Protein backbone atom coordinates (compact mmCIF):
# COMPACT_ATOMS: atom_id res chain seq x y z
CA UNK A 1 93.91 73.19 136.39
CA UNK A 2 93.49 74.07 132.64
CA UNK A 3 96.75 73.29 130.84
CA UNK A 4 97.87 74.38 127.31
CA UNK A 5 100.60 72.47 125.32
CA UNK A 6 102.70 74.20 122.74
CA UNK A 7 105.23 72.84 120.27
CA UNK A 8 107.80 74.59 118.26
CA UNK A 9 108.98 72.39 115.42
CA UNK A 10 112.22 73.91 114.21
CA UNK A 11 115.03 72.80 111.90
CA UNK A 12 117.42 72.57 114.81
CA UNK A 13 115.13 71.00 117.48
CA UNK A 14 111.72 70.44 118.72
CA UNK A 15 110.68 72.28 121.82
CA UNK A 16 107.55 71.78 123.84
CA UNK A 17 106.03 73.91 126.74
CA UNK A 18 103.30 73.01 129.22
CA UNK A 19 101.66 76.15 130.42
CA UNK A 20 99.10 77.03 133.14
CA UNK A 21 96.38 78.73 131.13
CA UNK A 22 95.09 80.86 134.10
CA UNK A 23 98.40 82.38 135.08
CA UNK A 24 100.50 81.97 131.93
CA UNK A 25 103.17 80.32 134.00
CA UNK A 26 105.41 77.75 132.42
CA UNK A 27 105.09 74.59 134.20
CA UNK A 28 107.80 72.66 132.38
CA UNK A 29 109.56 72.91 128.94
CA UNK A 30 111.52 70.29 127.07
CA UNK A 31 113.73 70.20 123.94
CA UNK A 32 114.49 67.27 121.80
CA UNK A 33 117.07 66.26 120.71
CA UNK A 34 119.75 67.61 123.00
CA UNK A 35 122.05 68.10 120.00
CA UNK A 36 121.12 69.93 116.78
CA UNK A 37 118.96 68.04 114.27
CA UNK A 38 120.83 67.01 111.14
CA UNK A 39 120.24 68.89 107.90
CA UNK A 40 120.83 66.84 104.80
CA UNK A 41 122.71 68.64 102.10
CA UNK A 42 123.45 66.05 99.32
CA UNK A 43 124.20 69.06 96.92
CA UNK A 44 125.24 72.64 97.28
CA UNK A 45 122.30 74.73 98.16
CA UNK A 46 120.15 71.85 99.24
CA UNK A 47 118.69 71.39 102.68
CA UNK A 48 116.47 68.50 103.57
CA UNK A 49 115.11 66.79 106.78
CA UNK A 50 113.06 63.71 107.29
CA UNK A 51 109.54 64.59 108.76
CA UNK A 52 109.53 61.36 110.68
CA UNK A 53 112.47 62.68 112.67
CA UNK A 54 110.42 65.64 113.59
CA UNK A 55 107.59 63.43 114.78
CA UNK A 56 109.92 61.18 116.83
CA UNK A 57 111.36 64.21 118.52
CA UNK A 58 107.87 65.65 119.20
CA UNK A 59 107.14 62.36 121.03
CA UNK A 60 110.42 62.50 122.90
CA UNK A 61 109.82 66.11 123.97
CA UNK A 62 106.30 65.15 125.09
CA UNK A 63 107.66 62.20 127.09
CA UNK A 64 110.10 64.53 128.87
CA UNK A 65 107.26 67.09 129.64
CA UNK A 66 105.19 64.29 131.13
CA UNK A 67 108.00 63.01 133.24
CA UNK A 68 109.13 66.33 134.58
CA UNK A 69 105.57 67.66 135.16
CA UNK A 70 104.37 64.84 137.35
CA UNK A 71 100.80 65.87 136.79
CA UNK A 72 97.81 64.43 134.85
CA UNK A 73 98.33 65.29 131.16
CA UNK A 74 94.60 64.68 130.73
CA UNK A 75 94.25 68.39 131.98
CA UNK A 76 95.72 69.57 128.68
CA UNK A 77 92.79 71.44 127.21
CA UNK A 78 94.37 72.48 123.92
CA UNK A 79 97.52 72.02 121.79
CA UNK A 80 99.15 74.68 119.57
CA UNK A 81 101.84 74.11 116.80
CA UNK A 82 104.50 76.40 115.59
CA UNK A 83 106.81 75.19 112.73
CA UNK A 84 109.77 76.12 110.42
CA UNK A 85 108.20 77.97 107.52
CA UNK A 86 108.34 77.37 103.79
CA UNK A 87 109.14 73.65 103.96
CA UNK A 88 107.45 71.04 101.60
CA UNK A 89 106.15 67.76 102.91
CA UNK A 90 104.53 65.43 100.33
CA UNK A 91 102.55 62.30 101.10
CA UNK A 92 100.72 59.61 99.29
CA UNK A 93 97.16 58.32 99.78
CA UNK A 94 98.35 56.23 102.76
CA UNK A 95 99.79 59.33 104.44
CA UNK A 96 103.28 57.97 103.88
CA UNK A 97 105.92 60.65 103.34
CA UNK A 98 107.32 60.26 99.78
CA UNK A 99 110.67 61.98 100.13
CA UNK A 100 112.55 64.18 102.73
CA UNK A 101 111.19 67.50 103.37
CA UNK A 102 112.71 70.32 101.25
CA UNK A 103 113.15 72.83 104.03
CA UNK A 104 113.17 76.71 104.32
CA UNK A 105 116.94 77.24 103.68
CA UNK A 106 117.06 75.00 100.54
CA UNK A 107 117.97 77.12 97.36
CA UNK A 108 117.21 74.67 94.59
CA UNK A 109 113.94 76.36 93.39
CA UNK A 110 115.36 79.91 92.97
CA UNK A 111 115.47 79.72 89.10
CA UNK A 112 111.96 78.28 89.08
CA UNK A 113 110.62 81.22 91.01
CA UNK A 114 112.68 83.67 88.93
CA UNK A 115 111.19 82.37 85.70
CA UNK A 116 107.71 82.35 87.22
CA UNK A 117 107.64 86.10 88.00
CA UNK A 118 108.95 86.89 84.59
CA UNK A 119 106.37 84.81 82.70
CA UNK A 120 103.31 85.53 84.97
CA UNK A 121 104.39 89.09 85.12
CA UNK A 122 105.91 91.07 88.01
CA UNK A 123 102.94 93.40 88.32
CA UNK A 124 100.44 90.62 88.55
CA UNK A 125 102.45 88.70 91.04
CA UNK A 126 102.90 91.66 93.34
CA UNK A 127 99.29 92.73 93.10
CA UNK A 128 97.95 89.30 93.99
CA UNK A 129 100.75 87.60 95.89
CA UNK A 130 102.63 90.59 97.42
CA UNK A 131 105.70 88.41 96.54
CA UNK A 132 107.62 86.75 93.87
CA UNK A 133 106.86 83.05 93.78
CA UNK A 134 110.60 82.87 94.66
CA UNK A 135 112.21 80.02 96.41
CA UNK A 136 109.13 79.18 98.49
CA UNK A 137 106.96 76.06 98.85
CA UNK A 138 105.06 76.21 95.61
CA UNK A 139 108.30 76.54 93.61
CA UNK A 140 109.76 73.64 95.62
CA UNK A 141 106.72 71.59 94.56
CA UNK A 142 107.25 72.50 90.96
CA UNK A 143 110.87 71.25 91.38
CA UNK A 144 109.73 67.92 92.39
CA UNK A 145 107.37 67.75 89.41
CA UNK A 146 110.30 68.61 86.97
CA UNK A 147 112.93 66.50 88.59
CA UNK A 148 111.28 63.65 90.24
CA UNK A 149 108.21 62.95 88.20
CA UNK A 150 107.84 59.43 89.64
CA UNK A 151 107.55 60.85 93.07
CA UNK A 152 105.25 63.67 91.98
CA UNK A 153 102.86 61.19 90.37
CA UNK A 154 102.27 59.70 93.77
CA UNK A 155 101.43 62.83 95.73
CA UNK A 156 98.12 62.95 97.45
CA UNK A 157 98.66 66.14 99.40
CA UNK A 158 101.43 68.77 99.61
CA UNK A 159 101.84 70.27 103.11
CA UNK A 160 103.90 72.56 105.29
CA UNK A 161 105.88 71.17 108.20
CA UNK A 162 103.16 72.12 110.81
CA UNK A 163 100.47 70.62 108.68
CA UNK A 164 102.36 67.32 108.79
CA UNK A 165 102.64 67.43 112.63
CA UNK A 166 99.00 68.17 112.93
CA UNK A 167 98.15 65.37 110.62
CA UNK A 168 100.20 62.90 112.72
CA UNK A 169 98.18 64.10 115.80
CA UNK A 170 94.67 64.35 114.27
CA UNK A 171 94.79 62.28 111.09
CA UNK A 172 93.28 65.35 109.35
CA UNK A 173 95.02 67.20 106.63
CA UNK A 174 94.58 71.01 106.78
CA UNK A 175 96.51 74.23 106.39
CA UNK A 176 95.71 77.89 107.14
CA UNK A 177 95.58 81.21 105.25
CA UNK A 178 98.77 82.26 106.90
CA UNK A 179 100.40 79.01 105.86
CA UNK A 180 99.25 79.26 102.26
CA UNK A 181 100.69 82.83 102.09
CA UNK A 182 104.20 81.64 103.25
CA UNK A 183 103.98 78.91 100.40
CA UNK A 184 103.06 81.90 98.07
CA UNK A 185 99.71 80.16 97.45
CA UNK A 186 97.47 82.85 98.81
CA UNK A 187 95.83 85.45 96.57
CA UNK A 188 95.59 88.58 98.69
CA UNK A 189 93.02 90.23 96.23
CA UNK A 190 90.68 87.27 96.14
CA UNK A 191 91.35 86.27 99.79
CA UNK A 192 91.75 82.64 98.71
CA UNK A 193 93.88 80.02 97.05
CA UNK A 194 96.26 81.58 94.41
CA UNK A 195 94.91 79.79 91.25
CA UNK A 196 97.22 81.87 89.09
CA UNK A 197 100.27 80.20 90.68
CA UNK A 198 98.72 76.70 90.56
CA UNK A 199 97.80 77.21 86.89
CA UNK A 200 101.20 78.43 85.89
CA UNK A 201 102.90 75.57 87.66
CA UNK A 202 100.39 73.10 86.31
CA UNK A 203 99.56 71.96 89.91
CA UNK A 204 96.09 70.55 90.51
CA UNK A 205 94.37 72.29 93.39
CA UNK A 206 93.37 68.88 94.90
CA UNK A 207 97.04 68.64 96.20
CA UNK A 208 96.48 71.59 98.57
CA UNK A 209 94.99 70.73 101.95
CA UNK A 210 91.57 72.15 103.20
CA UNK A 211 91.93 75.60 104.67
CA UNK A 212 91.07 76.29 108.34
CA UNK A 213 91.47 79.41 110.27
CA UNK A 214 94.67 79.90 112.32
CA UNK A 215 92.76 80.17 115.55
CA UNK A 216 90.15 77.26 115.44
CA UNK A 217 89.40 73.78 116.28
CA UNK A 218 91.52 71.97 113.65
CA UNK A 219 91.11 68.44 114.87
CA UNK A 220 91.45 66.21 117.87
CA UNK A 221 94.19 63.91 119.08
CA UNK A 222 93.44 60.37 117.77
CA UNK A 223 93.70 57.25 119.97
CA UNK A 224 96.84 56.27 118.12
CA UNK A 225 98.55 59.64 118.47
CA UNK A 226 97.43 59.80 122.11
CA UNK A 227 99.10 56.46 122.76
CA UNK A 228 102.31 57.55 121.11
CA UNK A 229 102.36 60.96 122.94
CA UNK A 230 101.08 60.09 126.26
CA UNK A 231 98.21 62.40 125.91
CA UNK A 232 94.36 62.16 126.20
CA UNK A 233 92.61 61.20 123.01
CA UNK A 234 90.18 63.94 121.91
CA UNK A 235 92.51 66.76 123.14
CA UNK A 236 91.93 69.66 120.67
CA UNK A 237 94.51 71.18 118.32
CA UNK A 238 93.36 74.73 118.04
CA UNK A 239 96.20 76.69 116.59
CA UNK A 240 99.10 76.47 114.05
CA UNK A 241 101.39 79.03 112.58
CA UNK A 242 104.69 79.39 110.99
CA UNK A 243 107.56 80.16 113.40
CA UNK A 244 107.94 83.90 112.55
CA UNK A 245 104.21 84.79 112.76
CA UNK A 246 104.07 82.68 115.91
CA UNK A 247 107.11 84.42 117.33
CA UNK A 248 105.40 87.77 116.88
CA UNK A 249 102.34 86.29 118.65
CA UNK A 250 104.51 85.06 121.53
CA UNK A 251 105.72 88.64 121.98
CA UNK A 252 102.21 90.18 121.66
CA UNK A 253 103.05 91.82 118.40
CA UNK A 254 99.77 92.01 116.66
CA UNK A 255 99.04 95.58 115.59
CA UNK A 256 100.40 97.93 112.98
CA UNK A 257 103.83 99.42 113.80
CA UNK A 258 104.80 96.59 116.15
CA UNK A 259 107.94 94.68 115.31
CA UNK A 260 109.31 91.31 116.41
CA UNK A 261 112.64 89.72 115.88
CA UNK A 262 114.42 86.39 116.27
CA UNK A 263 118.12 85.42 115.94
CA UNK A 264 118.14 81.61 115.93
CA UNK A 265 119.43 79.47 112.95
CA UNK A 266 118.22 82.36 110.72
CA UNK A 267 117.65 85.99 111.78
CA UNK A 268 114.35 87.63 111.25
CA UNK A 269 112.68 90.95 111.74
CA UNK A 270 108.93 90.91 111.35
CA UNK A 271 106.86 94.12 111.19
CA UNK A 272 102.99 94.38 111.37
CA UNK A 273 101.04 96.54 108.84
CA UNK A 274 97.34 96.95 108.01
CA UNK A 275 98.23 97.51 104.41
CA UNK A 276 98.82 95.07 101.73
CA UNK A 277 102.32 96.45 100.92
CA UNK A 278 105.20 94.80 99.07
CA UNK A 279 108.80 95.39 98.05
CA UNK A 280 109.06 95.54 94.27
CA UNK A 281 112.11 93.21 94.31
CA UNK A 282 110.69 90.75 96.79
CA UNK A 283 113.68 91.29 99.11
CA UNK A 284 111.33 91.15 102.01
CA UNK A 285 108.10 89.21 102.01
CA UNK A 286 104.44 89.93 103.15
CA UNK A 287 102.42 87.18 104.69
CA UNK A 288 99.04 86.89 106.24
CA UNK A 289 99.56 87.51 109.99
CA UNK A 290 97.89 85.10 112.52
CA UNK A 291 95.17 87.63 113.55
CA UNK A 292 94.30 88.74 110.00
CA UNK A 293 90.65 89.05 108.99
CA UNK A 294 89.09 90.56 106.00
CA UNK A 295 87.55 93.28 108.11
CA UNK A 296 90.61 93.91 110.19
CA UNK A 297 93.61 93.18 107.93
CA UNK A 298 96.95 92.31 109.52
CA UNK A 299 99.99 91.57 107.40
CA UNK A 300 103.48 90.52 108.46
CA UNK A 301 106.42 91.91 106.48
CA UNK A 302 109.31 89.56 106.96
CA UNK A 303 112.96 90.26 106.56
CA UNK A 304 115.01 87.04 106.70
CA UNK A 305 118.79 86.52 107.01
CA UNK A 306 119.53 82.77 106.62
CA UNK A 307 123.03 82.83 108.02
CA UNK A 308 122.57 83.85 111.70
CA UNK A 309 122.82 81.47 114.62
CA UNK A 310 124.23 78.95 112.05
CA UNK A 311 127.32 81.05 111.59
CA UNK A 312 127.92 81.17 115.44
CA UNK A 313 127.24 77.31 115.48
CA UNK A 314 129.76 76.75 112.64
CA UNK A 315 132.42 78.70 114.61
CA UNK A 316 131.65 76.81 117.86
CA UNK A 317 132.05 73.40 116.34
CA UNK A 318 134.92 74.07 113.76
CA UNK A 319 136.87 76.94 115.25
CA UNK A 320 136.53 77.15 119.03
CA UNK A 321 137.69 73.75 120.43
CA UNK A 322 140.32 73.77 123.27
CA UNK A 323 141.92 70.42 122.94
CA UNK A 324 139.16 67.99 122.77
CA UNK A 325 136.79 70.25 124.64
CA UNK A 326 134.75 72.86 122.84
CA UNK A 327 133.60 76.24 124.21
CA UNK A 328 130.16 76.93 125.29
CA UNK A 329 128.22 79.89 123.60
CA UNK A 330 128.50 81.83 126.81
CA UNK A 331 132.32 81.46 126.78
CA UNK A 332 132.24 82.47 123.10
CA UNK A 333 130.23 85.57 123.88
CA UNK A 334 132.65 86.54 126.75
CA UNK A 335 135.65 86.06 124.47
CA UNK A 336 133.99 88.13 121.62
CA UNK A 337 133.58 91.07 124.00
CA UNK A 338 137.31 91.25 124.60
CA UNK A 339 137.69 92.57 120.96
CA UNK A 340 137.02 96.17 120.17
CA UNK A 341 134.10 97.39 118.10
CA UNK A 342 134.91 96.82 114.47
CA UNK A 343 137.15 93.86 115.43
CA UNK A 344 140.23 95.98 114.23
CA UNK A 345 139.15 95.77 110.46
CA UNK A 346 137.93 92.18 110.36
CA UNK A 347 134.56 91.99 108.71
CA UNK A 348 132.43 88.99 108.19
CA UNK A 349 129.69 88.57 105.79
CA UNK A 350 127.15 85.89 106.99
CA UNK A 351 125.74 84.67 103.77
CA UNK A 352 126.75 81.08 103.74
CA UNK A 353 123.39 79.44 104.18
CA UNK A 354 121.97 79.59 100.73
CA UNK A 355 120.39 82.27 98.59
CA UNK A 356 119.47 85.32 100.49
CA UNK A 357 116.17 87.16 99.82
CA UNK A 358 117.53 90.60 100.91
CA UNK A 359 120.16 90.25 98.19
CA UNK A 360 117.48 89.40 95.52
CA UNK A 361 118.02 85.62 95.94
CA UNK A 362 121.72 85.79 95.17
CA UNK A 363 123.88 83.18 96.88
CA UNK A 364 127.27 85.03 97.37
CA UNK A 365 128.51 82.60 100.12
CA UNK A 366 130.02 83.65 103.46
CA UNK A 367 133.32 85.47 103.43
CA UNK A 368 135.96 87.22 105.62
CA UNK A 369 137.55 90.60 104.76
CA UNK A 370 140.57 92.33 106.32
CA UNK A 371 142.14 89.28 108.10
CA UNK A 372 145.63 90.09 109.36
CA UNK A 373 147.64 87.25 110.65
CA UNK A 374 149.68 89.44 113.14
CA UNK A 375 146.66 91.20 114.53
CA UNK A 376 143.45 89.08 114.52
CA UNK A 377 142.78 86.46 117.18
CA UNK A 378 139.71 84.15 117.88
CA UNK A 379 138.09 87.01 119.79
CA UNK A 380 138.13 89.27 116.72
CA UNK A 381 136.46 86.53 114.58
CA UNK A 382 133.79 85.97 117.11
CA UNK A 383 133.05 89.60 117.53
CA UNK A 384 133.17 90.22 113.61
CA UNK A 385 130.64 87.33 113.24
CA UNK A 386 128.19 88.88 115.63
CA UNK A 387 128.68 92.34 114.12
CA UNK A 388 128.40 90.93 110.56
CA UNK A 389 124.96 89.47 111.48
CA UNK A 390 123.75 92.70 112.94
CA UNK A 391 124.96 94.63 109.73
CA UNK A 392 123.24 92.20 107.48
CA UNK A 393 119.99 92.58 109.43
CA UNK A 394 120.24 96.35 109.36
CA UNK A 395 120.91 96.28 105.72
CA UNK A 396 117.67 94.48 105.26
CA UNK A 397 115.88 96.85 107.72
CA UNK A 398 116.51 99.63 105.22
CA UNK A 399 114.12 97.87 102.94
CA UNK A 400 111.40 97.81 105.61
CA UNK A 401 112.01 101.60 106.35
CA UNK A 402 111.61 102.20 102.67
CA UNK A 403 108.15 100.49 103.04
CA UNK A 404 107.10 102.78 105.87
CA UNK A 405 107.83 100.40 108.79
CA UNK A 406 109.98 102.31 111.28
CA UNK A 407 111.90 100.34 113.79
CA UNK A 408 111.79 102.44 116.99
CA UNK A 409 111.14 99.50 119.32
CA UNK A 410 111.78 95.82 118.57
CA UNK A 411 110.62 92.87 120.75
CA UNK A 412 112.54 89.58 120.98
CA UNK A 413 112.63 86.67 123.12
CA UNK A 414 115.58 86.38 125.54
CA UNK A 415 117.06 83.47 123.69
CA UNK A 416 119.72 82.44 121.11
CA UNK A 417 121.84 85.15 119.75
CA UNK A 418 120.11 87.77 121.91
CA UNK A 419 121.57 86.00 125.00
CA UNK A 420 124.86 87.60 123.91
CA UNK A 421 125.12 90.98 125.69
CA UNK A 422 127.43 92.18 122.81
CA UNK A 423 125.03 91.09 120.15
CA UNK A 424 122.05 92.70 121.80
CA UNK A 425 123.84 96.08 122.39
CA UNK A 426 125.17 96.00 118.84
CA UNK A 427 121.71 95.24 117.42
CA UNK A 428 120.20 98.21 119.38
CA UNK A 429 123.07 100.56 118.55
CA UNK A 430 123.31 99.76 114.81
CA UNK A 431 119.48 99.70 114.15
CA UNK A 432 118.80 102.80 116.43
CA UNK A 433 115.88 100.92 118.12
CA UNK A 434 115.26 100.09 121.67
CA UNK A 435 115.40 96.32 122.13
CA UNK A 436 112.88 94.62 124.53
CA UNK A 437 113.60 91.11 125.47
CA UNK A 438 110.93 89.01 126.90
CA UNK A 439 110.63 85.64 128.99
CA UNK A 440 109.07 83.74 126.03
CA UNK A 441 109.79 81.50 123.04
CA UNK A 442 108.00 79.82 120.20
CA UNK A 443 106.50 76.94 122.09
CA UNK A 444 105.18 79.37 124.78
CA UNK A 445 103.53 81.35 121.86
CA UNK A 446 101.99 78.19 120.47
CA UNK A 447 100.60 77.32 123.89
CA UNK A 448 99.00 80.77 124.12
CA UNK A 449 97.65 80.57 120.49
CA UNK A 450 96.09 77.24 121.51
CA UNK A 451 94.22 79.02 124.34
CA UNK A 452 92.99 81.62 121.96
CA UNK A 453 91.78 79.13 119.36
CA UNK A 454 90.02 76.92 121.96
CA UNK A 455 88.22 79.87 123.38
CA UNK A 456 89.94 79.51 126.74
CA UNK A 457 90.95 83.12 126.55
CA UNK A 458 88.18 85.73 125.95
CA UNK A 459 90.35 88.03 123.91
CA UNK A 460 94.07 88.46 122.87
CA UNK A 461 94.89 90.60 125.89
CA UNK A 462 93.93 87.84 128.29
CA UNK A 463 96.23 85.43 126.40
CA UNK A 464 99.43 87.33 127.54
CA UNK A 465 99.01 86.98 131.27
CA UNK A 466 102.47 86.28 132.66
CA UNK A 467 104.42 87.76 129.75
CA UNK A 468 107.23 89.90 131.24
CA UNK A 469 110.18 92.05 130.01
CA UNK A 470 113.48 90.63 130.97
CA UNK A 471 115.79 93.28 129.63
CA UNK A 472 115.56 96.51 127.65
CA UNK A 473 118.76 97.51 125.78
CA UNK A 474 118.97 101.05 124.36
CA UNK A 475 121.43 102.18 121.77
CA UNK A 476 124.98 102.93 123.12
CA UNK A 477 125.51 106.49 122.25
CA UNK A 478 129.18 106.37 122.91
CA UNK A 479 129.77 103.73 120.15
CA UNK A 480 127.33 104.90 117.58
CA UNK A 481 129.79 106.76 115.42
CA UNK A 482 132.36 103.96 115.62
CA UNK A 483 129.73 101.41 114.51
CA UNK A 484 128.45 103.76 111.73
CA UNK A 485 132.06 103.98 110.14
CA UNK A 486 132.48 100.18 110.39
CA UNK A 487 129.00 99.60 108.95
CA UNK A 488 129.55 102.01 105.91
CA UNK A 489 132.72 100.04 105.07
CA UNK A 490 130.80 96.72 105.42
CA UNK A 491 128.11 97.95 103.01
CA UNK A 492 130.59 99.29 100.48
CA UNK A 493 132.41 95.80 100.41
CA UNK A 494 129.09 93.95 100.19
CA UNK A 495 128.16 96.12 97.15
CA UNK A 496 131.43 95.19 95.51
CA UNK A 497 130.69 91.47 96.30
CA UNK A 498 127.24 91.67 94.70
CA UNK A 499 128.49 93.48 91.68
CA UNK A 500 131.22 90.85 91.14
CA UNK A 501 128.55 88.09 91.65
CA UNK A 502 126.20 89.73 89.04
CA UNK A 503 129.16 89.82 86.49
CA UNK A 504 130.11 86.25 87.21
CA UNK A 505 126.53 85.02 86.47
CA UNK A 506 125.80 87.61 83.75
CA UNK A 507 129.03 88.76 82.01
CA UNK A 508 126.97 91.06 79.78
CA UNK A 509 125.68 93.11 82.76
CA UNK A 510 126.41 96.82 82.42
CA UNK A 511 129.49 98.01 84.43
CA UNK A 512 129.08 100.00 87.61
CA UNK A 513 131.43 102.18 89.42
CA UNK A 514 133.23 100.37 92.34
CA UNK A 515 131.28 100.58 95.65
CA UNK A 516 134.72 100.93 97.33
CA UNK A 517 134.64 104.60 96.42
CA UNK A 518 131.81 105.09 98.88
CA UNK A 519 129.31 106.30 96.09
CA UNK A 520 125.67 105.32 96.78
CA UNK A 521 124.48 103.35 93.84
CA UNK A 522 120.84 103.20 95.20
CA UNK A 523 118.65 100.33 95.93
CA UNK A 524 120.72 98.70 98.58
CA UNK A 525 118.18 99.16 101.35
CA UNK A 526 120.91 99.87 103.91
CA UNK A 527 119.04 102.58 105.60
CA UNK A 528 122.12 104.58 106.56
CA UNK A 529 120.41 107.79 107.59
CA UNK A 530 117.75 106.11 109.62
CA UNK A 531 119.43 103.07 110.91
CA UNK A 532 122.16 105.27 112.30
């Protein structure tokens, strides 16, 4: 039996899946830890994690896999790694981590990225990078240079989270074109390292790992790692990708016009294009997709909402206790469904997890509107939270629509927020897209990717044996008009919040008419006519 092992290294947990390569059947999966990983936030807008914690939980998940499977792990032919995107891991010459990883939702480098696009030039950045340097990995590395020079002086290599896990397995330090693009270190015109960013930030190219193809033999498990993991030394690592490109792979989203979505800690819509397109305001981002080649280009256009499952988690842990016992997410979903569409005027804006790209990197914080003490109960808050997440995702989808990516069908794993029937139906109804939910997740996608990279599968089609649709949710025609009215109100209030935020940080900004009048000021990306 040929086995594939996939890891999904997230900011909430590490998941591992052992898969039968021939049938695509999941033999066993494991998640570690059983509670959510801690995110260190010593200052507002900061978010850090210790890479060693990821590795410890990779080992724990692997041990659980081995215990549950009860089969010879020597049959594992290849390993794939999916990981949380945009994080920064820095090590010294002894391969020791120099500081906690600055992870994806950390906002500290926003001003550095904003300054970079102004001084490099917006046109140059968008032509070569398809993005602003923004709050991405390269800008985070520059932050370390400016604020922790004694740490920066010791850096041997700067890596992404998946590069670190691969290093711990193989002792080799490599990255991928897709990884470099998510770090905003890939020049799309030159099809190589973005020297213009390195030169501007005064970062020496030697700090960047060797580049290897996404699907390739990227190293072998060392004796030391094999002993720690309980695997066979020499097992090939043959795939790595950021969590959103990998989620698209797990759903067989590889070709232009196909769209994937996730709704975990963050919410993402990820559409595939064969054109190197970009948003002029970098409110969505274009990356190298996993199956990109120079002769057959594939780009992933990513819309990200930081505050998604984390909002639901906050409500669970701070708002939904019954005595000393908390509600399960399933119980919360049931309670939310007891409130009507629109939650009787209660609106939630889920922007409490740092600067949001769809809002041009503004950090307006989460907020509640229309709360009435004599009307609203917990059910209204739970429903308003789920609806607010859907509204925020649809607001961002308007930007993708303006770029020519139409969301007629969206695929997602049957997991996280999509497990809520209310959320799934609201998502389909508000976006106007058919929602297809599949029996897969990121660790399964990583396992399939490993099979492709190791040559176990002859082609991409063979890699998706066993992938099945669990549910198809169509827009609810009876509630479309109700949702449209609520959404329009939500958008108008959001515009007011954005205007007030702009004036608070830039008092000299020109005045605009109040969005509460319902007038369209343009550039919102809300996609009202096509989303509804």
